[in-house]
Amino acid sequence: MQQGGMDSIGQFCTRVGTSLALALALITFSGCSTGTTGLTVAPHSTVSRDTALALAKHVATSIGGRVYVIAPSGSMLPTLDEGSIVTIEKVALDKLKRGDIIVYRNTAGLAVIHRLYERHDDRWFVLGDNNASVDRETVSTDNLLGRVCAIFYTATEKNISDQLTAVASR
């Protein structure tokens, strides 16, 4: 009886380890990026949208984070487009640094994904990679949803309606 229980635990640990290794490999080979690359379009991969979404959910569950799909606005090109899926982690405002990609809630209630540009006291100014000026709204502890910790590039397929969407706004 004891041996059977140990086998089940061992098999479970092996499956979890394999899943995490696969997720890490896909993140690595899917073209993860936290900076601009000189590209004019976001990277894509051959990973299906469903597979990327499942992996992103797995990562989010393991870190207590959330998954967002990118809405088609173009402000985060070339880093992100509507084929991208991101996982965000909870993080304290004072742990953020210039260049981090974050998701925040704007005054209209929309989740916006942009890059941290400049800090002033307890607020950050943010900027889309493809925008000429910083957002009118700033990011504070009150509206910060999280920092992007994983980007999944996919073979572009549009519309996953039941997922949270982060607008890369202009």
N, C-alpha and C. Protein backbone atom coordinates (compact mmCIF):
# COMPACT_ATOMS: atom_id res chain seq x y z
N MET A 1 0.84 -1.19 0.00
CA MET A 1 0.00 0.00 0.00
C MET A 1 0.88 1.24 0.00
N GLN A 2 1.86 1.27 0.89
CA GLN A 2 2.78 2.40 0.98
C GLN A 2 3.51 2.60 -0.35
N GLN A 3 3.98 1.51 -0.94
CA GLN A 3 4.72 1.59 -2.20
C GLN A 3 3.86 2.21 -3.29
N GLY A 4 2.58 1.82 -3.39
CA GLY A 4 1.68 2.37 -4.40
C GLY A 4 1.51 3.87 -4.23
N GLY A 5 1.40 4.32 -3.00
CA GLY A 5 1.28 5.74 -2.73
C GLY A 5 2.52 6.50 -3.14
N MET A 6 3.68 5.93 -2.87
CA MET A 6 4.94 6.56 -3.24
C MET A 6 5.08 6.63 -4.75
N ASP A 7 4.65 5.57 -5.46
CA ASP A 7 4.72 5.58 -6.92
C ASP A 7 3.85 6.70 -7.47
N SER A 8 2.65 6.87 -6.91
CA SER A 8 1.75 7.92 -7.39
C SER A 8 2.36 9.30 -7.17
N ILE A 9 2.96 9.51 -6.01
CA ILE A 9 3.59 10.79 -5.72
C ILE A 9 4.78 11.00 -6.65
N GLY A 10 5.57 9.96 -6.85
CA GLY A 10 6.70 10.05 -7.76
C GLY A 10 6.27 10.36 -9.18
N GLN A 11 5.21 9.69 -9.64
CA GLN A 11 4.69 9.95 -10.99
C GLN A 11 4.18 11.38 -11.10
N PHE A 12 3.48 11.83 -10.06
CA PHE A 12 2.96 13.21 -10.06
C PHE A 12 4.12 14.21 -10.16
N CYS A 13 5.15 14.00 -9.33
CA CYS A 13 6.31 14.91 -9.34
C CYS A 13 6.99 14.90 -10.71
N THR A 14 7.09 13.72 -11.31
CA THR A 14 7.69 13.63 -12.64
C THR A 14 6.87 14.40 -13.66
N ARG A 15 5.53 14.28 -13.60
CA ARG A 15 4.66 15.01 -14.53
C ARG A 15 4.79 16.51 -14.33
N VAL A 16 4.79 16.96 -13.08
CA VAL A 16 4.92 18.39 -12.80
C VAL A 16 6.27 18.90 -13.29
N GLY A 17 7.34 18.15 -13.00
CA GLY A 17 8.68 18.54 -13.44
C GLY A 17 8.76 18.62 -14.96
N THR A 18 8.17 17.64 -15.63
CA THR A 18 8.17 17.64 -17.09
C THR A 18 7.39 18.82 -17.63
N SER A 19 6.24 19.12 -17.02
CA SER A 19 5.42 20.27 -17.45
C SER A 19 6.19 21.57 -17.29
N LEU A 20 6.85 21.73 -16.16
CA LEU A 20 7.60 22.96 -15.93
C LEU A 20 8.78 23.08 -16.89
N ALA A 21 9.44 21.96 -17.15
CA ALA A 21 10.56 21.98 -18.10
C ALA A 21 10.07 22.34 -19.50
N LEU A 22 8.92 21.79 -19.89
CA LEU A 22 8.34 22.11 -21.20
C LEU A 22 7.97 23.58 -21.26
N ALA A 23 7.34 24.08 -20.21
CA ALA A 23 6.96 25.50 -20.18
C ALA A 23 8.20 26.38 -20.29
N LEU A 24 9.25 26.04 -19.57
CA LEU A 24 10.48 26.82 -19.62
C LEU A 24 11.10 26.78 -21.01
N ALA A 25 11.10 25.60 -21.62
CA ALA A 25 11.66 25.47 -22.97
C ALA A 25 10.85 26.28 -23.97
N LEU A 26 9.53 26.23 -23.86
CA LEU A 26 8.70 26.99 -24.79
C LEU A 26 8.89 28.49 -24.58
N ILE A 27 9.00 28.91 -23.34
CA ILE A 27 9.25 30.33 -23.09
C ILE A 27 10.58 30.73 -23.71
N THR A 28 11.59 29.93 -23.47
CA THR A 28 12.92 30.23 -23.99
C THR A 28 12.95 30.24 -25.51
N PHE A 29 12.34 29.25 -26.13
CA PHE A 29 12.42 29.13 -27.58
C PHE A 29 11.30 29.84 -28.30
N SER A 30 10.35 30.44 -27.56
CA SER A 30 9.28 31.19 -28.20
C SER A 30 9.67 32.63 -28.42
N GLY A 31 10.84 33.02 -28.03
CA GLY A 31 11.32 34.37 -28.28
C GLY A 31 10.95 35.34 -27.19
N CYS A 32 10.97 34.93 -25.92
CA CYS A 32 10.66 35.84 -24.83
C CYS A 32 11.55 37.05 -24.88
N SER A 33 10.98 38.18 -24.54
CA SER A 33 11.73 39.42 -24.62
C SER A 33 11.20 40.40 -23.59
N THR A 34 12.07 41.20 -23.04
CA THR A 34 11.63 42.28 -22.18
C THR A 34 12.11 43.61 -22.71
N GLY A 35 12.73 43.63 -23.85
CA GLY A 35 13.22 44.87 -24.43
C GLY A 35 12.88 44.94 -25.91
N THR A 36 13.04 46.11 -26.49
CA THR A 36 12.78 46.24 -27.90
C THR A 36 13.88 45.55 -28.68
N THR A 37 13.53 45.06 -29.86
CA THR A 37 14.45 44.21 -30.60
C THR A 37 14.81 44.75 -31.98
N GLY A 38 14.22 45.84 -32.41
CA GLY A 38 14.46 46.33 -33.75
C GLY A 38 13.53 45.69 -34.77
N LEU A 39 12.69 44.77 -34.34
CA LEU A 39 11.72 44.15 -35.24
C LEU A 39 10.55 45.10 -35.47
N THR A 40 9.84 44.90 -36.58
CA THR A 40 8.66 45.72 -36.83
C THR A 40 7.38 45.01 -36.48
N VAL A 41 7.45 43.71 -36.25
CA VAL A 41 6.29 42.94 -35.80
C VAL A 41 6.72 42.09 -34.62
N ALA A 42 5.74 41.70 -33.81
CA ALA A 42 6.05 40.85 -32.66
C ALA A 42 6.46 39.47 -33.15
N PRO A 43 7.36 38.82 -32.42
CA PRO A 43 7.75 37.46 -32.80
C PRO A 43 6.55 36.52 -32.73
N HIS A 44 6.60 35.48 -33.50
CA HIS A 44 5.60 34.43 -33.46
C HIS A 44 6.32 33.10 -33.35
N SER A 45 5.60 32.07 -33.02
CA SER A 45 6.19 30.74 -32.97
C SER A 45 5.20 29.76 -33.58
N THR A 46 5.57 28.52 -33.59
CA THR A 46 4.67 27.49 -34.09
C THR A 46 3.80 26.91 -32.98
N VAL A 47 3.97 27.41 -31.76
CA VAL A 47 3.17 26.95 -30.62
C VAL A 47 1.73 27.40 -30.85
N SER A 48 0.79 26.48 -30.73
CA SER A 48 -0.62 26.84 -30.92
C SER A 48 -1.08 27.76 -29.80
N ARG A 49 -2.09 28.53 -30.09
CA ARG A 49 -2.65 29.46 -29.10
C ARG A 49 -3.15 28.69 -27.88
N ASP A 50 -3.81 27.54 -28.11
CA ASP A 50 -4.33 26.75 -27.00
C ASP A 50 -3.20 26.21 -26.11
N THR A 51 -2.12 25.75 -26.72
CA THR A 51 -0.98 25.24 -25.95
C THR A 51 -0.34 26.36 -25.15
N ALA A 52 -0.13 27.52 -25.80
CA ALA A 52 0.46 28.66 -25.10
C ALA A 52 -0.42 29.11 -23.95
N LEU A 53 -1.73 29.13 -24.17
CA LEU A 53 -2.65 29.53 -23.12
C LEU A 53 -2.61 28.55 -21.95
N ALA A 54 -2.56 27.25 -22.25
CA ALA A 54 -2.47 26.24 -21.18
C ALA A 54 -1.18 26.41 -20.39
N LEU A 55 -0.07 26.64 -21.08
CA LEU A 55 1.21 26.84 -20.40
C LEU A 55 1.19 28.11 -19.56
N ALA A 56 0.62 29.18 -20.11
CA ALA A 56 0.54 30.44 -19.37
C ALA A 56 -0.30 30.27 -18.11
N LYS A 57 -1.41 29.53 -18.22
CA LYS A 57 -2.26 29.27 -17.05
C LYS A 57 -1.50 28.45 -16.01
N HIS A 58 -0.72 27.49 -16.46
CA HIS A 58 0.07 26.65 -15.55
C HIS A 58 1.08 27.51 -14.79
N VAL A 59 1.78 28.38 -15.50
CA VAL A 59 2.74 29.27 -14.86
C VAL A 59 2.01 30.19 -13.88
N ALA A 60 0.89 30.77 -14.30
CA ALA A 60 0.14 31.68 -13.43
C ALA A 60 -0.32 30.96 -12.16
N THR A 61 -0.81 29.76 -12.30
CA THR A 61 -1.26 29.00 -11.13
C THR A 61 -0.11 28.72 -10.18
N SER A 62 1.04 28.41 -10.72
CA SER A 62 2.17 28.06 -9.86
C SER A 62 2.75 29.26 -9.11
N ILE A 63 2.52 30.48 -9.61
CA ILE A 63 3.07 31.67 -8.93
C ILE A 63 1.99 32.57 -8.33
N GLY A 64 0.73 32.17 -8.44
CA GLY A 64 -0.36 33.00 -7.93
C GLY A 64 -0.58 34.23 -8.81
N GLY A 65 -0.31 34.10 -10.09
CA GLY A 65 -0.45 35.22 -11.02
C GLY A 65 -1.71 35.12 -11.86
N ARG A 66 -1.73 35.87 -12.94
CA ARG A 66 -2.87 35.90 -13.86
C ARG A 66 -2.37 35.86 -15.29
N VAL A 67 -3.27 35.49 -16.20
CA VAL A 67 -2.96 35.41 -17.62
C VAL A 67 -3.75 36.49 -18.36
N TYR A 68 -3.08 37.17 -19.29
CA TYR A 68 -3.74 38.14 -20.15
C TYR A 68 -3.39 37.86 -21.60
N VAL A 69 -4.37 38.00 -22.47
CA VAL A 69 -4.10 37.98 -23.91
C VAL A 69 -4.05 39.44 -24.34
N ILE A 70 -3.30 39.71 -25.39
CA ILE A 70 -3.09 41.09 -25.81
C ILE A 70 -4.15 41.50 -26.83
N ALA A 71 -4.79 42.63 -26.56
CA ALA A 71 -5.79 43.18 -27.47
C ALA A 71 -5.08 43.84 -28.66
N PRO A 72 -5.72 43.86 -29.84
CA PRO A 72 -5.07 44.42 -31.03
C PRO A 72 -5.08 45.94 -31.07
N SER A 73 -4.04 46.56 -30.53
CA SER A 73 -3.96 48.02 -30.59
C SER A 73 -2.67 48.50 -31.25
N GLY A 74 -1.62 47.71 -31.12
CA GLY A 74 -0.35 48.06 -31.75
C GLY A 74 0.61 48.87 -30.92
N SER A 75 0.22 49.33 -29.74
CA SER A 75 1.11 50.21 -28.98
C SER A 75 2.31 49.50 -28.38
N MET A 76 2.26 48.18 -28.25
CA MET A 76 3.40 47.45 -27.70
C MET A 76 4.21 46.72 -28.77
N LEU A 77 3.92 47.00 -30.04
CA LEU A 77 4.76 46.45 -31.11
C LEU A 77 6.12 47.08 -31.03
N PRO A 78 7.17 46.40 -31.28
CA PRO A 78 7.22 45.04 -31.80
C PRO A 78 7.27 43.97 -30.71
N THR A 79 7.19 44.34 -29.44
CA THR A 79 7.33 43.35 -28.38
C THR A 79 6.12 42.44 -28.27
N LEU A 80 4.91 43.01 -28.33
CA LEU A 80 3.67 42.24 -28.16
C LEU A 80 2.66 42.60 -29.24
N ASP A 81 1.90 41.62 -29.67
CA ASP A 81 0.74 41.87 -30.53
C ASP A 81 -0.40 40.96 -30.08
N GLU A 82 -1.49 40.94 -30.83
CA GLU A 82 -2.65 40.15 -30.41
C GLU A 82 -2.41 38.65 -30.46
N GLY A 83 -1.27 38.21 -30.94
CA GLY A 83 -0.90 36.80 -30.88
C GLY A 83 -0.15 36.46 -29.61
N SER A 84 0.11 37.45 -28.78
CA SER A 84 0.90 37.24 -27.56
C SER A 84 0.01 36.97 -26.36
N ILE A 85 0.51 36.14 -25.46
CA ILE A 85 -0.16 35.85 -24.20
C ILE A 85 0.88 36.10 -23.11
N VAL A 86 0.49 36.77 -22.05
CA VAL A 86 1.44 37.06 -20.98
C VAL A 86 0.91 36.53 -19.65
N THR A 87 1.85 36.18 -18.79
CA THR A 87 1.54 35.85 -17.40
C THR A 87 2.12 36.98 -16.57
N ILE A 88 1.32 37.47 -15.62
CA ILE A 88 1.81 38.52 -14.73
C ILE A 88 1.93 37.98 -13.32
N GLU A 89 2.90 38.54 -12.61
CA GLU A 89 3.11 38.19 -11.21
C GLU A 89 2.80 39.41 -10.36
N LYS A 90 2.33 39.16 -9.14
CA LYS A 90 2.13 40.24 -8.20
C LYS A 90 3.50 40.72 -7.76
N VAL A 91 3.65 42.03 -7.65
CA VAL A 91 4.93 42.60 -7.24
C VAL A 91 4.67 43.94 -6.56
N ALA A 92 5.46 44.25 -5.58
CA ALA A 92 5.35 45.54 -4.90
C ALA A 92 5.88 46.64 -5.81
N LEU A 93 5.29 47.80 -5.73
CA LEU A 93 5.68 48.94 -6.57
C LEU A 93 7.16 49.27 -6.42
N ASP A 94 7.68 49.16 -5.22
CA ASP A 94 9.09 49.51 -5.00
C ASP A 94 10.07 48.47 -5.54
N LYS A 95 9.58 47.34 -6.01
CA LYS A 95 10.43 46.30 -6.61
C LYS A 95 10.50 46.45 -8.14
N LEU A 96 9.72 47.35 -8.69
CA LEU A 96 9.72 47.55 -10.14
C LEU A 96 10.92 48.37 -10.57
N LYS A 97 11.33 48.17 -11.83
CA LYS A 97 12.43 48.97 -12.36
C LYS A 97 12.10 49.40 -13.79
N ARG A 98 12.74 50.47 -14.19
CA ARG A 98 12.55 51.00 -15.54
C ARG A 98 12.74 49.87 -16.56
N GLY A 99 11.84 49.80 -17.52
CA GLY A 99 11.92 48.77 -18.56
C GLY A 99 11.01 47.58 -18.31
N ASP A 100 10.57 47.38 -17.06
CA ASP A 100 9.63 46.28 -16.79
C ASP A 100 8.35 46.51 -17.58
N ILE A 101 7.74 45.44 -18.04
CA ILE A 101 6.42 45.52 -18.67
C ILE A 101 5.41 45.19 -17.59
N ILE A 102 4.42 46.05 -17.44
CA ILE A 102 3.43 45.86 -16.37
C ILE A 102 2.03 45.94 -16.95
N VAL A 103 1.07 45.47 -16.15
CA VAL A 103 -0.35 45.64 -16.47
C VAL A 103 -0.94 46.47 -15.34
N TYR A 104 -1.66 47.53 -15.73
CA TYR A 104 -2.33 48.37 -14.73
C TYR A 104 -3.77 48.62 -15.17
N ARG A 105 -4.60 49.02 -14.23
CA ARG A 105 -6.00 49.32 -14.52
C ARG A 105 -6.13 50.83 -14.66
N ASN A 106 -6.64 51.29 -15.82
CA ASN A 106 -6.81 52.73 -16.03
C ASN A 106 -8.13 53.21 -15.42
N THR A 107 -8.37 54.51 -15.46
CA THR A 107 -9.57 55.07 -14.82
C THR A 107 -10.86 54.60 -15.49
N ALA A 108 -10.79 54.14 -16.74
CA ALA A 108 -11.96 53.59 -17.41
C ALA A 108 -12.20 52.13 -17.02
N GLY A 109 -11.28 51.55 -16.22
CA GLY A 109 -11.44 50.18 -15.76
C GLY A 109 -10.79 49.14 -16.66
N LEU A 110 -10.11 49.58 -17.72
CA LEU A 110 -9.46 48.64 -18.62
C LEU A 110 -8.06 48.27 -18.13
N ALA A 111 -7.68 47.03 -18.37
CA ALA A 111 -6.31 46.60 -18.08
C ALA A 111 -5.44 47.06 -19.25
N VAL A 112 -4.37 47.78 -18.93
CA VAL A 112 -3.45 48.31 -19.95
C VAL A 112 -2.08 47.70 -19.71
N ILE A 113 -1.43 47.28 -20.79
CA ILE A 113 -0.09 46.71 -20.68
C ILE A 113 0.89 47.66 -21.38
N HIS A 114 1.83 48.19 -20.61
CA HIS A 114 2.87 49.09 -21.13
C HIS A 114 4.15 48.89 -20.35
N ARG A 115 5.18 49.59 -20.77
CA ARG A 115 6.51 49.47 -20.17
C ARG A 115 6.75 50.64 -19.21
N LEU A 116 7.39 50.35 -18.08
CA LEU A 116 7.73 51.41 -17.13
C LEU A 116 8.78 52.33 -17.75
N TYR A 117 8.52 53.62 -17.64
CA TYR A 117 9.41 54.59 -18.28
C TYR A 117 10.19 55.41 -17.25
N GLU A 118 9.48 56.01 -16.30
CA GLU A 118 10.15 56.89 -15.35
C GLU A 118 9.37 56.94 -14.04
N ARG A 119 10.12 56.89 -12.93
CA ARG A 119 9.49 56.92 -11.60
C ARG A 119 9.60 58.31 -11.00
N HIS A 120 8.50 58.75 -10.41
CA HIS A 120 8.43 60.00 -9.64
C HIS A 120 7.77 59.68 -8.32
N ASP A 121 8.57 59.65 -7.27
CA ASP A 121 8.10 59.31 -5.92
C ASP A 121 7.40 57.96 -5.93
N ASP A 122 6.09 57.93 -5.65
CA ASP A 122 5.36 56.66 -5.57
C ASP A 122 4.50 56.39 -6.81
N ARG A 123 4.90 56.96 -7.94
CA ARG A 123 4.18 56.77 -9.21
C ARG A 123 5.15 56.50 -10.35
N TRP A 124 4.70 55.71 -11.30
CA TRP A 124 5.46 55.43 -12.51
C TRP A 124 4.75 56.00 -13.73
N PHE A 125 5.50 56.61 -14.62
CA PHE A 125 4.99 56.95 -15.93
C PHE A 125 5.27 55.75 -16.82
N VAL A 126 4.32 55.41 -17.69
CA VAL A 126 4.47 54.25 -18.56
C VAL A 126 4.34 54.67 -20.02
N LEU A 127 4.87 53.83 -20.89
CA LEU A 127 4.93 54.15 -22.30
C LEU A 127 4.80 52.86 -23.10
N GLY A 128 3.96 52.87 -24.12
CA GLY A 128 3.91 51.75 -25.05
C GLY A 128 5.16 51.77 -25.91
N ASP A 129 5.70 50.61 -26.26
CA ASP A 129 6.92 50.53 -27.06
C ASP A 129 6.78 51.24 -28.40
N ASN A 130 5.56 51.34 -28.91
CA ASN A 130 5.31 51.94 -30.22
C ASN A 130 4.65 53.32 -30.09
N ASN A 131 4.67 53.90 -28.91
CA ASN A 131 4.06 55.21 -28.67
C ASN A 131 5.13 56.29 -28.55
N ALA A 132 4.76 57.50 -28.94
CA ALA A 132 5.70 58.62 -28.90
C ALA A 132 5.73 59.33 -27.54
N SER A 133 4.68 59.19 -26.75
CA SER A 133 4.64 59.89 -25.46
C SER A 133 4.09 58.97 -24.37
N VAL A 134 4.40 59.34 -23.14
CA VAL A 134 3.94 58.55 -21.99
C VAL A 134 2.43 58.65 -21.85
N ASP A 135 1.86 57.67 -21.16
CA ASP A 135 0.42 57.68 -20.89
C ASP A 135 0.07 58.86 -19.99
N ARG A 136 -1.15 59.36 -20.15
CA ARG A 136 -1.62 60.44 -19.27
C ARG A 136 -1.77 59.96 -17.84
N GLU A 137 -2.15 58.71 -17.68
CA GLU A 137 -2.32 58.14 -16.34
C GLU A 137 -1.00 57.56 -15.86
N THR A 138 -0.80 57.63 -14.57
CA THR A 138 0.40 57.04 -13.97
C THR A 138 0.00 55.76 -13.24
N VAL A 139 1.00 54.98 -12.91
CA VAL A 139 0.78 53.72 -12.21
C VAL A 139 1.23 53.88 -10.77
N SER A 140 0.37 53.44 -9.86
CA SER A 140 0.66 53.49 -8.43
C SER A 140 0.27 52.14 -7.82
N THR A 141 0.46 52.02 -6.54
CA THR A 141 0.06 50.80 -5.83
C THR A 141 -1.42 50.52 -6.04
N ASP A 142 -2.23 51.58 -6.15
CA ASP A 142 -3.69 51.42 -6.27
C ASP A 142 -4.14 50.80 -7.58
N ASN A 143 -3.41 51.00 -8.68
CA ASN A 143 -3.89 50.50 -9.96
C ASN A 143 -2.95 49.48 -10.63
N LEU A 144 -1.85 49.14 -9.98
CA LEU A 144 -0.93 48.14 -10.51
C LEU A 144 -1.53 46.75 -10.37
N LEU A 145 -1.62 46.02 -11.47
CA LEU A 145 -2.12 44.64 -11.43
C LEU A 145 -0.98 43.63 -11.35
N GLY A 146 0.15 43.94 -11.98
CA GLY A 146 1.28 43.03 -11.90
C GLY A 146 2.31 43.30 -12.97
N ARG A 147 3.43 42.58 -12.86
CA ARG A 147 4.54 42.69 -13.81
C ARG A 147 4.55 41.44 -14.69
N VAL A 148 4.81 41.64 -15.96
CA VAL A 148 4.90 40.51 -16.89
C VAL A 148 6.13 39.69 -16.52
N CYS A 149 5.92 38.40 -16.31
CA CYS A 149 7.03 37.51 -15.98
C CYS A 149 7.23 36.45 -17.05
N ALA A 150 6.28 36.31 -17.95
CA ALA A 150 6.42 35.35 -19.05
C ALA A 150 5.63 35.84 -20.24
N ILE A 151 6.23 35.73 -21.42
CA ILE A 151 5.56 36.08 -22.67
C ILE A 151 5.52 34.83 -23.52
N PHE A 152 4.36 34.50 -24.03
CA PHE A 152 4.20 33.36 -24.92
C PHE A 152 3.81 33.89 -26.29
N TYR A 153 4.70 33.71 -27.25
CA TYR A 153 4.39 34.07 -28.63
C TYR A 153 3.78 32.85 -29.29
N THR A 154 2.81 33.07 -30.16
CA THR A 154 2.07 31.96 -30.74
C THR A 154 1.98 32.08 -32.25
N ALA A 155 1.52 30.99 -32.84
CA ALA A 155 1.07 31.06 -34.22
C ALA A 155 -0.23 31.87 -34.12
N THR A 156 -0.31 33.01 -34.76
CA THR A 156 -1.40 33.95 -34.54
C THR A 156 -2.75 33.35 -34.86
N GLU A 157 -3.58 33.32 -33.84
CA GLU A 157 -4.99 32.97 -33.96
C GLU A 157 -5.72 34.01 -33.13
N LYS A 158 -6.76 34.59 -33.66
CA LYS A 158 -7.44 35.68 -32.98
C LYS A 158 -8.53 35.18 -32.04
N ASN A 159 -8.88 36.04 -31.07
CA ASN A 159 -10.05 35.89 -30.21
C ASN A 159 -10.07 34.70 -29.26
N ILE A 160 -9.69 34.95 -28.06
CA ILE A 160 -9.95 34.01 -26.98
C ILE A 160 -10.82 34.81 -26.01
N SER A 161 -12.12 34.73 -26.22
CA SER A 161 -13.05 35.64 -25.56
C SER A 161 -13.19 35.43 -24.05
N ASP A 162 -12.89 34.25 -23.54
CA ASP A 162 -13.08 34.01 -22.11
C ASP A 162 -11.86 34.37 -21.28
N GLN A 163 -10.84 34.97 -21.88
CA GLN A 163 -9.62 35.32 -21.16
C GLN A 163 -9.58 36.81 -20.86
N LEU A 164 -8.85 37.17 -19.83
CA LEU A 164 -8.60 38.58 -19.53
C LEU A 164 -7.81 39.18 -20.67
N THR A 165 -8.12 40.39 -21.03
CA THR A 165 -7.43 41.06 -22.12
C THR A 165 -6.76 42.31 -21.59
N ALA A 166 -5.52 42.52 -21.96
CA ALA A 166 -4.81 43.74 -21.60
C ALA A 166 -4.68 44.57 -22.87
N VAL A 167 -5.12 45.79 -22.80
CA VAL A 167 -5.08 46.68 -23.94
C VAL A 167 -3.73 47.36 -23.97
N ALA A 168 -3.08 47.26 -25.08
CA ALA A 168 -1.87 48.05 -25.30
C ALA A 168 -2.38 49.29 -26.02
N SER A 169 -2.63 50.36 -25.27
CA SER A 169 -3.37 51.50 -25.81
C SER A 169 -2.47 52.58 -26.36
N ARG A 170 -3.01 53.35 -27.25
CA ARG A 170 -2.31 54.49 -27.84
C ARG A 170 -2.73 55.75 -27.15
